[in-house]
Protein backbone atom coordinates (compact mmCIF):
# COMPACT_ATOMS: atom_id res chain seq x y z
CA MET A 1 -20.51 11.80 -3.76
CA LYS A 2 -17.50 14.01 -2.95
CA ALA A 3 -18.00 13.59 0.81
CA ASN A 4 -18.15 9.80 0.46
CA LEU A 5 -15.05 9.77 -1.75
CA THR A 6 -13.22 12.02 0.71
CA LEU A 7 -14.01 9.56 3.51
CA LEU A 8 -12.91 6.59 1.39
CA LEU A 9 -9.66 8.39 0.62
CA GLN A 10 -9.08 9.17 4.29
CA ILE A 11 -9.64 5.50 5.12
CA SER A 12 -7.20 4.60 2.35
CA GLY A 13 -4.59 6.91 3.82
CA VAL A 14 -4.95 5.32 7.24
CA LEU A 15 -4.73 1.85 5.66
CA HIS A 16 -1.33 2.81 4.21
CA LEU A 17 -0.16 3.42 7.74
CA GLY A 18 -1.64 0.06 8.75
CA LEU A 19 0.37 -1.57 6.00
CA MET A 20 3.45 -0.01 7.59
CA GLY A 21 2.60 -1.91 10.76
CA ALA A 22 2.25 -5.14 8.80
CA GLY A 23 5.52 -4.40 7.03
CA ALA A 24 7.25 -3.86 10.35
CA LEU A 25 6.17 -7.36 11.44
CA MET A 26 7.27 -9.01 8.21
CA PRO A 27 11.00 -9.45 9.04
CA ARG A 28 10.10 -11.41 12.18
CA ALA A 29 7.37 -13.40 10.45
CA VAL A 30 9.72 -14.67 7.74
CA ASN A 31 12.91 -14.82 9.83
CA LEU A 32 14.42 -12.28 7.47
CA ARG A 33 17.71 -11.66 9.25
CA THR A 34 18.63 -15.33 8.99
CA HIS A 35 17.82 -15.40 5.27
CA LEU A 36 19.72 -12.19 4.59
CA ALA A 37 22.79 -13.31 6.56
CA ALA A 38 23.74 -15.66 3.72
CA LEU A 39 23.83 -12.80 1.20
CA PRO A 40 26.85 -10.63 0.40
CA PRO A 41 26.89 -7.36 2.39
CA PHE A 42 26.05 -5.21 -0.65
CA ILE A 43 22.95 -7.23 -1.51
CA ARG A 44 21.91 -7.33 2.16
CA ARG A 45 22.20 -3.52 2.42
CA LEU A 46 20.47 -3.09 -0.93
CA PHE A 47 17.53 -5.10 0.35
CA TRP A 48 17.26 -3.00 3.53
CA VAL A 49 17.44 0.23 1.52
CA TYR A 50 14.63 -0.99 -0.74
CA TYR A 51 12.64 -2.07 2.31
CA LEU A 52 13.05 1.38 3.88
CA PHE A 53 12.18 3.16 0.62
CA ILE A 54 8.99 1.14 0.34
CA GLY A 55 8.17 2.13 3.91
CA LEU A 56 8.84 5.78 3.08
CA CYS A 57 6.53 5.50 0.06
CA LEU A 58 3.77 3.96 2.18
CA VAL A 59 4.03 6.69 4.80
CA SER A 60 4.11 9.37 2.09
CA PHE A 61 1.17 7.90 0.18
CA GLY A 62 -0.80 7.65 3.41
CA LEU A 63 -0.03 11.16 4.64
CA ILE A 64 -0.70 12.71 1.22
CA THR A 65 -3.99 10.85 0.96
CA VAL A 66 -5.17 11.75 4.47
CA GLY A 67 -3.91 15.34 4.28
CA PHE A 68 -5.28 16.05 0.82
CA ALA A 69 -8.29 13.72 0.68
CA GLU A 70 -10.68 16.56 -0.11
CA THR A 71 -8.41 17.90 -2.86
CA LEU A 72 -8.01 14.41 -4.33
CA ALA A 73 -11.78 13.90 -4.21
CA ALA A 74 -12.36 17.23 -6.00
CA GLY A 75 -10.95 15.74 -9.19
CA GLY A 76 -8.48 18.35 -10.42
CA GLY A 77 -5.97 17.28 -13.05
CA LEU A 78 -3.05 16.66 -10.71
CA ALA A 79 -5.32 14.92 -8.18
CA ARG A 80 -6.67 12.60 -10.85
CA ALA A 81 -3.17 11.85 -12.14
CA LEU A 82 -1.90 11.06 -8.64
CA CYS A 83 -4.92 8.86 -7.94
CA ALA A 84 -4.41 7.06 -11.26
CA PHE A 85 -0.76 6.44 -10.32
CA PHE A 86 -1.81 5.11 -6.90
CA ALA A 87 -4.45 2.89 -8.55
CA VAL A 88 -1.85 1.41 -10.92
CA PHE A 89 0.68 1.03 -8.09
CA TRP A 90 -1.77 -0.90 -5.90
CA THR A 91 -3.10 -2.96 -8.79
CA VAL A 92 0.44 -4.10 -9.60
CA ARG A 93 1.02 -4.81 -5.90
CA LEU A 94 -2.15 -6.90 -5.80
CA ILE A 95 -1.00 -8.86 -8.85
CA ALA A 96 2.38 -9.46 -7.20
CA ALA A 97 0.70 -10.60 -3.98
CA THR A 98 -1.50 -12.98 -5.93
CA PHE A 99 0.85 -14.42 -8.54
CA VAL A 100 4.46 -13.73 -7.54
CA PHE A 101 4.77 -14.24 -3.80
CA ASP A 102 4.17 -17.63 -2.23
CA VAL A 103 3.84 -16.90 1.46
CA ARG A 104 2.28 -20.23 2.45
CA PRO A 105 5.43 -21.49 4.20
CA TYR A 106 5.32 -18.43 6.49
CA LEU A 107 1.64 -18.59 7.44
CA THR A 108 2.42 -20.78 10.41
CA ASN A 109 -0.18 -19.50 12.84
CA THR A 110 -3.64 -17.98 12.86
CA LEU A 111 -2.35 -14.44 13.42
CA TRP A 112 -0.12 -14.54 10.33
CA ARG A 113 -2.93 -16.05 8.22
CA VAL A 114 -5.45 -13.42 9.33
CA GLY A 115 -2.89 -10.66 8.74
CA TYR A 116 -2.12 -11.99 5.28
CA HIS A 117 -5.78 -12.05 4.28
CA ALA A 118 -6.33 -8.60 5.80
CA THR A 119 -3.49 -7.13 3.75
CA ASN A 120 -4.97 -8.68 0.61
CA VAL A 121 -8.30 -7.01 1.38
CA VAL A 122 -6.41 -3.71 1.66
CA PHE A 123 -4.61 -4.44 -1.63
CA ILE A 124 -8.05 -4.78 -3.26
CA PHE A 125 -9.61 -1.77 -1.51
CA LEU A 126 -6.85 0.72 -2.35
CA PRO A 127 -6.86 0.46 -6.16
CA VAL A 128 -10.66 0.55 -6.24
CA VAL A 129 -10.80 3.76 -4.20
CA TYR A 130 -8.00 5.42 -6.15
CA LEU A 131 -9.55 4.40 -9.45
CA LEU A 132 -12.84 5.96 -8.36
CA ALA A 133 -11.00 9.15 -7.42
CA ALA A 134 -9.07 9.16 -10.70
CA CYS A 135 -12.31 8.96 -12.67
CA VAL A 136 -14.04 11.82 -10.84
CA SER A 137 -14.76 14.81 -13.04
CA PRO A 138 -13.63 18.12 -11.61
CA ALA A 139 -16.32 20.28 -10.08
CA PRO A 140 -17.59 22.99 -12.44
CA LYS A 141 -16.24 26.46 -11.73
C-alpha cells in the first residue's frame, strides 16, 4: 500500500507542475492583459502578485510532494496534517472550478476545452490522493 501511495503522491507532485503550465497559458487564453488594463494600477499589480503567489504555491506543493512522497506516504503526524491541508485546498479549488468560475466564453477552441477538462480531472485526482495519504496510519515502530 505504501509503495502505491508513494507513486500516487509522486504523480500528484508532477501534476502540480503541469498545472503551472496550464496557469502560464491562462493569461493568453483569456486575454488577461486587455482585461487588466482597465483596472487601476494597484488592483492590476495586486492581481499579478496573487497570480505569482499561487504559482509559487503550486511549485512548492509539487516539489514538496515529489521530494517527500515516501515521507508523506509513511503517515507521520506532520505528513498527515500536510496531506489533509492539501486535500482541503484542492477540494475547495474543485468547488471553485465547478461553481464559481464560468469559463465557457473562453473555451473557444478544442485545445482550450481539452485543457479545461484535463485540469478538472487533476482537481479531482489531487484531493483524493491527499485524502488517502492523510488517512494513512503511521507504520508501527
